[in-house]
N, C-alpha and C. Protein backbone atom coordinates (compact mmCIF):
# COMPACT_ATOMS: atom_id res chain seq x y z
N MET A 1 5.18 14.57 21.81
CA MET A 1 5.01 13.32 21.07
C MET A 1 6.30 12.53 21.16
N LEU A 2 6.18 11.25 21.05
CA LEU A 2 7.33 10.35 21.06
C LEU A 2 7.91 10.22 19.66
N THR A 3 9.22 10.12 19.57
CA THR A 3 9.88 9.89 18.30
C THR A 3 10.67 8.59 18.40
N PRO A 4 10.29 7.56 17.65
CA PRO A 4 11.02 6.30 17.72
C PRO A 4 12.38 6.40 17.05
N LEU A 5 13.33 5.61 17.51
CA LEU A 5 14.66 5.57 16.95
C LEU A 5 14.83 4.38 16.01
N HIS A 6 15.77 4.49 15.10
CA HIS A 6 16.16 3.41 14.18
C HIS A 6 14.95 2.87 13.42
N ASP A 7 14.71 1.55 13.47
CA ASP A 7 13.60 0.96 12.72
C ASP A 7 12.41 0.65 13.63
N ASN A 8 12.26 1.43 14.70
CA ASN A 8 11.13 1.24 15.61
C ASN A 8 9.92 2.03 15.14
N VAL A 9 8.76 1.53 15.55
CA VAL A 9 7.47 2.09 15.14
C VAL A 9 6.60 2.21 16.40
N ILE A 10 5.83 3.28 16.48
CA ILE A 10 4.86 3.44 17.57
C ILE A 10 3.47 3.23 16.99
N VAL A 11 2.71 2.33 17.64
CA VAL A 11 1.40 1.93 17.15
C VAL A 11 0.36 2.22 18.22
N ASP A 12 -0.78 2.74 17.78
CA ASP A 12 -1.94 2.94 18.65
C ASP A 12 -2.83 1.72 18.46
N PRO A 13 -2.91 0.82 19.45
CA PRO A 13 -3.69 -0.41 19.28
C PRO A 13 -5.18 -0.13 19.04
N VAL A 14 -5.79 -0.97 18.22
CA VAL A 14 -7.22 -0.88 17.94
C VAL A 14 -7.92 -1.94 18.77
N GLU A 15 -8.99 -1.55 19.42
CA GLU A 15 -9.76 -2.49 20.23
C GLU A 15 -10.41 -3.53 19.33
N VAL A 16 -10.22 -4.80 19.66
CA VAL A 16 -10.78 -5.90 18.86
C VAL A 16 -12.17 -6.22 19.38
N ALA A 17 -13.11 -6.39 18.46
CA ALA A 17 -14.49 -6.71 18.84
C ALA A 17 -14.55 -8.04 19.58
N LYS A 18 -15.36 -8.08 20.62
CA LYS A 18 -15.51 -9.31 21.40
C LYS A 18 -16.85 -9.97 21.11
N LYS A 19 -17.37 -9.65 19.91
CA LYS A 19 -18.63 -10.24 19.48
C LYS A 19 -18.49 -10.61 18.01
N THR A 20 -18.99 -11.78 17.63
CA THR A 20 -18.91 -12.21 16.24
C THR A 20 -19.95 -11.48 15.40
N ALA A 21 -19.85 -11.61 14.09
CA ALA A 21 -20.81 -10.97 13.19
C ALA A 21 -22.23 -11.46 13.43
N SER A 22 -22.37 -12.70 13.90
CA SER A 22 -23.70 -13.25 14.15
C SER A 22 -24.24 -12.91 15.54
N GLY A 23 -23.45 -12.14 16.33
CA GLY A 23 -23.93 -11.68 17.62
C GLY A 23 -23.50 -12.51 18.81
N ILE A 24 -22.64 -13.50 18.61
CA ILE A 24 -22.17 -14.34 19.71
C ILE A 24 -21.08 -13.60 20.47
N LEU A 25 -21.24 -13.48 21.80
CA LEU A 25 -20.24 -12.82 22.63
C LEU A 25 -19.11 -13.79 22.93
N LEU A 26 -17.87 -13.33 22.74
CA LEU A 26 -16.70 -14.15 23.02
C LEU A 26 -16.16 -13.80 24.40
N SER A 27 -15.70 -14.80 25.13
CA SER A 27 -15.13 -14.54 26.45
C SER A 27 -13.87 -15.37 26.63
N GLY A 28 -13.10 -15.02 27.64
CA GLY A 28 -11.89 -15.78 27.97
C GLY A 28 -10.89 -15.80 26.84
N GLU A 29 -10.30 -16.97 26.60
CA GLU A 29 -9.26 -17.13 25.57
C GLU A 29 -9.80 -16.88 24.16
N ALA A 30 -11.07 -17.16 23.92
CA ALA A 30 -11.64 -16.94 22.58
C ALA A 30 -11.68 -15.47 22.21
N ALA A 31 -11.74 -14.59 23.21
CA ALA A 31 -11.81 -13.15 22.94
C ALA A 31 -10.44 -12.53 22.71
N LYS A 32 -9.37 -13.26 23.04
CA LYS A 32 -8.02 -12.72 22.87
C LYS A 32 -7.52 -12.99 21.45
N PRO A 33 -7.08 -11.96 20.75
CA PRO A 33 -6.58 -12.17 19.39
C PRO A 33 -5.22 -12.87 19.40
N LYS A 34 -4.94 -13.64 18.34
CA LYS A 34 -3.65 -14.30 18.20
C LYS A 34 -2.59 -13.30 17.78
N GLN A 35 -3.01 -12.22 17.17
CA GLN A 35 -2.13 -11.11 16.82
C GLN A 35 -2.88 -9.83 17.11
N ASP A 36 -2.16 -8.73 17.10
CA ASP A 36 -2.76 -7.46 17.44
C ASP A 36 -2.85 -6.56 16.21
N VAL A 37 -3.79 -5.63 16.25
CA VAL A 37 -4.01 -4.69 15.16
C VAL A 37 -3.90 -3.29 15.73
N GLY A 38 -3.31 -2.38 14.94
CA GLY A 38 -3.20 -1.00 15.38
C GLY A 38 -2.90 -0.07 14.23
N VAL A 39 -2.85 1.22 14.53
CA VAL A 39 -2.56 2.25 13.54
C VAL A 39 -1.22 2.87 13.88
N VAL A 40 -0.34 2.96 12.89
CA VAL A 40 0.99 3.54 13.08
C VAL A 40 0.85 5.05 13.31
N ILE A 41 1.43 5.55 14.42
CA ILE A 41 1.35 6.98 14.69
C ILE A 41 2.72 7.67 14.60
N ALA A 42 3.81 6.88 14.60
CA ALA A 42 5.15 7.45 14.43
C ALA A 42 6.09 6.37 13.91
N VAL A 43 7.03 6.78 13.07
CA VAL A 43 7.98 5.86 12.44
C VAL A 43 9.39 6.42 12.61
N GLY A 44 10.32 5.54 12.97
CA GLY A 44 11.72 5.96 13.09
C GLY A 44 12.34 6.21 11.72
N PRO A 45 13.58 6.71 11.70
CA PRO A 45 14.23 7.06 10.43
C PRO A 45 14.70 5.86 9.62
N GLY A 46 14.71 4.68 10.20
CA GLY A 46 15.16 3.48 9.48
C GLY A 46 16.42 2.92 10.10
N LYS A 47 16.65 1.64 9.85
CA LYS A 47 17.81 0.94 10.38
C LYS A 47 19.07 1.44 9.70
N LEU A 48 20.12 1.63 10.48
CA LEU A 48 21.41 2.06 9.94
C LEU A 48 22.07 0.89 9.23
N ILE A 49 22.44 1.07 7.96
CA ILE A 49 23.08 0.01 7.18
C ILE A 49 24.48 0.45 6.77
N ASP A 50 25.15 -0.37 5.99
CA ASP A 50 26.52 -0.10 5.57
C ASP A 50 26.67 1.29 4.95
N GLY A 51 27.80 1.90 5.23
CA GLY A 51 28.09 3.21 4.66
C GLY A 51 27.36 4.35 5.33
N GLY A 52 26.74 4.11 6.47
CA GLY A 52 26.04 5.17 7.17
C GLY A 52 24.67 5.52 6.59
N GLN A 53 24.21 4.76 5.62
CA GLN A 53 22.89 4.98 5.02
C GLN A 53 21.80 4.40 5.92
N ARG A 54 20.58 4.85 5.71
CA ARG A 54 19.44 4.30 6.45
C ARG A 54 18.54 3.55 5.48
N ALA A 55 18.09 2.37 5.92
CA ALA A 55 17.16 1.58 5.12
C ALA A 55 15.80 2.27 5.12
N LYS A 56 15.11 2.20 3.99
CA LYS A 56 13.78 2.81 3.87
C LYS A 56 12.77 2.00 4.67
N MET A 57 11.92 2.68 5.41
CA MET A 57 10.88 2.02 6.20
C MET A 57 9.74 1.59 5.27
N SER A 58 9.17 0.42 5.56
CA SER A 58 8.10 -0.10 4.71
C SER A 58 6.71 0.24 5.23
N VAL A 59 6.63 0.91 6.36
CA VAL A 59 5.34 1.38 6.89
C VAL A 59 5.41 2.89 7.06
N ALA A 60 4.24 3.51 7.08
CA ALA A 60 4.17 4.97 7.22
C ALA A 60 3.10 5.32 8.25
N VAL A 61 3.15 6.53 8.74
CA VAL A 61 2.15 7.02 9.67
C VAL A 61 0.77 6.89 9.02
N GLY A 62 -0.18 6.35 9.77
CA GLY A 62 -1.55 6.16 9.26
C GLY A 62 -1.84 4.76 8.78
N ASP A 63 -0.79 3.94 8.55
CA ASP A 63 -1.01 2.56 8.11
C ASP A 63 -1.65 1.75 9.23
N ARG A 64 -2.60 0.91 8.87
CA ARG A 64 -3.20 -0.04 9.81
C ARG A 64 -2.40 -1.33 9.67
N VAL A 65 -1.84 -1.83 10.79
CA VAL A 65 -0.94 -2.97 10.73
C VAL A 65 -1.37 -4.09 11.68
N ILE A 66 -0.90 -5.28 11.36
CA ILE A 66 -1.05 -6.45 12.23
C ILE A 66 0.35 -6.78 12.72
N TYR A 67 0.48 -6.96 14.03
CA TYR A 67 1.79 -7.26 14.61
C TYR A 67 1.68 -8.40 15.61
N GLY A 68 2.80 -9.09 15.83
CA GLY A 68 2.82 -10.22 16.75
C GLY A 68 2.48 -9.79 18.16
N GLY A 69 1.70 -10.60 18.84
CA GLY A 69 1.21 -10.27 20.17
C GLY A 69 2.25 -10.27 21.26
N TYR A 70 3.43 -10.87 21.04
CA TYR A 70 4.42 -10.98 22.10
C TYR A 70 5.66 -10.14 21.83
N SER A 71 5.68 -9.37 20.75
CA SER A 71 6.90 -8.70 20.34
C SER A 71 6.98 -7.23 20.75
N GLN A 72 5.96 -6.70 21.39
CA GLN A 72 5.92 -5.27 21.62
C GLN A 72 6.22 -4.89 23.06
N ASN A 73 6.49 -3.60 23.23
CA ASN A 73 6.62 -2.97 24.55
C ASN A 73 5.44 -2.02 24.68
N THR A 74 4.61 -2.23 25.67
CA THR A 74 3.45 -1.37 25.89
C THR A 74 3.83 -0.27 26.87
N ILE A 75 3.49 0.97 26.50
CA ILE A 75 3.78 2.12 27.35
C ILE A 75 2.53 2.97 27.49
N THR A 76 2.53 3.83 28.48
CA THR A 76 1.46 4.82 28.63
C THR A 76 2.09 6.19 28.43
N HIS A 77 1.55 6.94 27.47
CA HIS A 77 2.04 8.29 27.17
C HIS A 77 0.85 9.20 26.97
N ASP A 78 0.81 10.29 27.70
CA ASP A 78 -0.33 11.22 27.65
C ASP A 78 -1.65 10.48 27.87
N GLU A 79 -1.65 9.57 28.84
CA GLU A 79 -2.82 8.78 29.23
C GLU A 79 -3.34 7.87 28.12
N ARG A 80 -2.49 7.54 27.16
CA ARG A 80 -2.85 6.60 26.08
C ARG A 80 -1.94 5.39 26.16
N GLU A 81 -2.51 4.21 25.96
CA GLU A 81 -1.72 2.99 25.86
C GLU A 81 -1.19 2.89 24.44
N LEU A 82 0.13 2.87 24.29
CA LEU A 82 0.77 2.77 22.98
C LEU A 82 1.70 1.58 22.96
N VAL A 83 2.06 1.16 21.77
CA VAL A 83 2.95 0.02 21.59
C VAL A 83 4.17 0.47 20.79
N ILE A 84 5.37 0.11 21.26
CA ILE A 84 6.59 0.36 20.51
C ILE A 84 7.14 -0.99 20.08
N LEU A 85 7.40 -1.14 18.79
CA LEU A 85 7.94 -2.39 18.28
C LEU A 85 8.84 -2.13 17.09
N SER A 86 9.64 -3.12 16.77
CA SER A 86 10.53 -3.03 15.62
C SER A 86 9.71 -3.25 14.35
N GLU A 87 10.14 -2.62 13.27
CA GLU A 87 9.45 -2.80 11.99
C GLU A 87 9.40 -4.27 11.60
N THR A 88 10.41 -5.04 11.96
CA THR A 88 10.43 -6.47 11.61
C THR A 88 9.38 -7.28 12.36
N ASP A 89 8.80 -6.73 13.43
CA ASP A 89 7.75 -7.41 14.18
C ASP A 89 6.37 -7.16 13.60
N ILE A 90 6.28 -6.31 12.59
CA ILE A 90 5.00 -6.06 11.92
C ILE A 90 4.80 -7.16 10.89
N LEU A 91 3.66 -7.84 10.98
CA LEU A 91 3.38 -8.98 10.12
C LEU A 91 2.76 -8.59 8.79
N ALA A 92 1.93 -7.54 8.81
CA ALA A 92 1.23 -7.15 7.57
C ALA A 92 0.67 -5.74 7.70
N VAL A 93 0.49 -5.10 6.54
CA VAL A 93 -0.22 -3.83 6.46
C VAL A 93 -1.60 -4.15 5.91
N VAL A 94 -2.63 -3.66 6.58
CA VAL A 94 -4.01 -3.93 6.19
C VAL A 94 -4.42 -2.88 5.15
N GLU A 95 -4.76 -3.35 3.96
CA GLU A 95 -5.21 -2.44 2.89
C GLU A 95 -6.69 -2.15 3.13
N VAL A 96 -7.04 -0.88 3.12
CA VAL A 96 -8.43 -0.47 3.32
C VAL A 96 -9.09 -0.40 1.96
N SER A 97 -10.16 -1.19 1.76
CA SER A 97 -10.86 -1.17 0.47
C SER A 97 -11.77 0.05 0.41
N LYS A 98 -11.89 0.60 -0.80
CA LYS A 98 -12.67 1.82 -0.99
C LYS A 98 -13.98 1.54 -1.65
């Protein structure tokens, strides 16, 4: 498994539906999301701050997140497409309603 350094996060991207709720198929630019969604699978120890301390990470393994579409590095590891990005590039954590 990969272990991210500092305030980096590894995300497993979630495939975005290319069909609307009413059944309309989206193609071309309409099918591309403005931001990406994924599940956090690994979190670094946090950014190093003054005095040698580490800042607490605001995301955890298992969180579903939205991140900017241009801020990530896409890699292939164990035949899976994964994304490595800085915690600051995460736009939001998606709360799952119960």
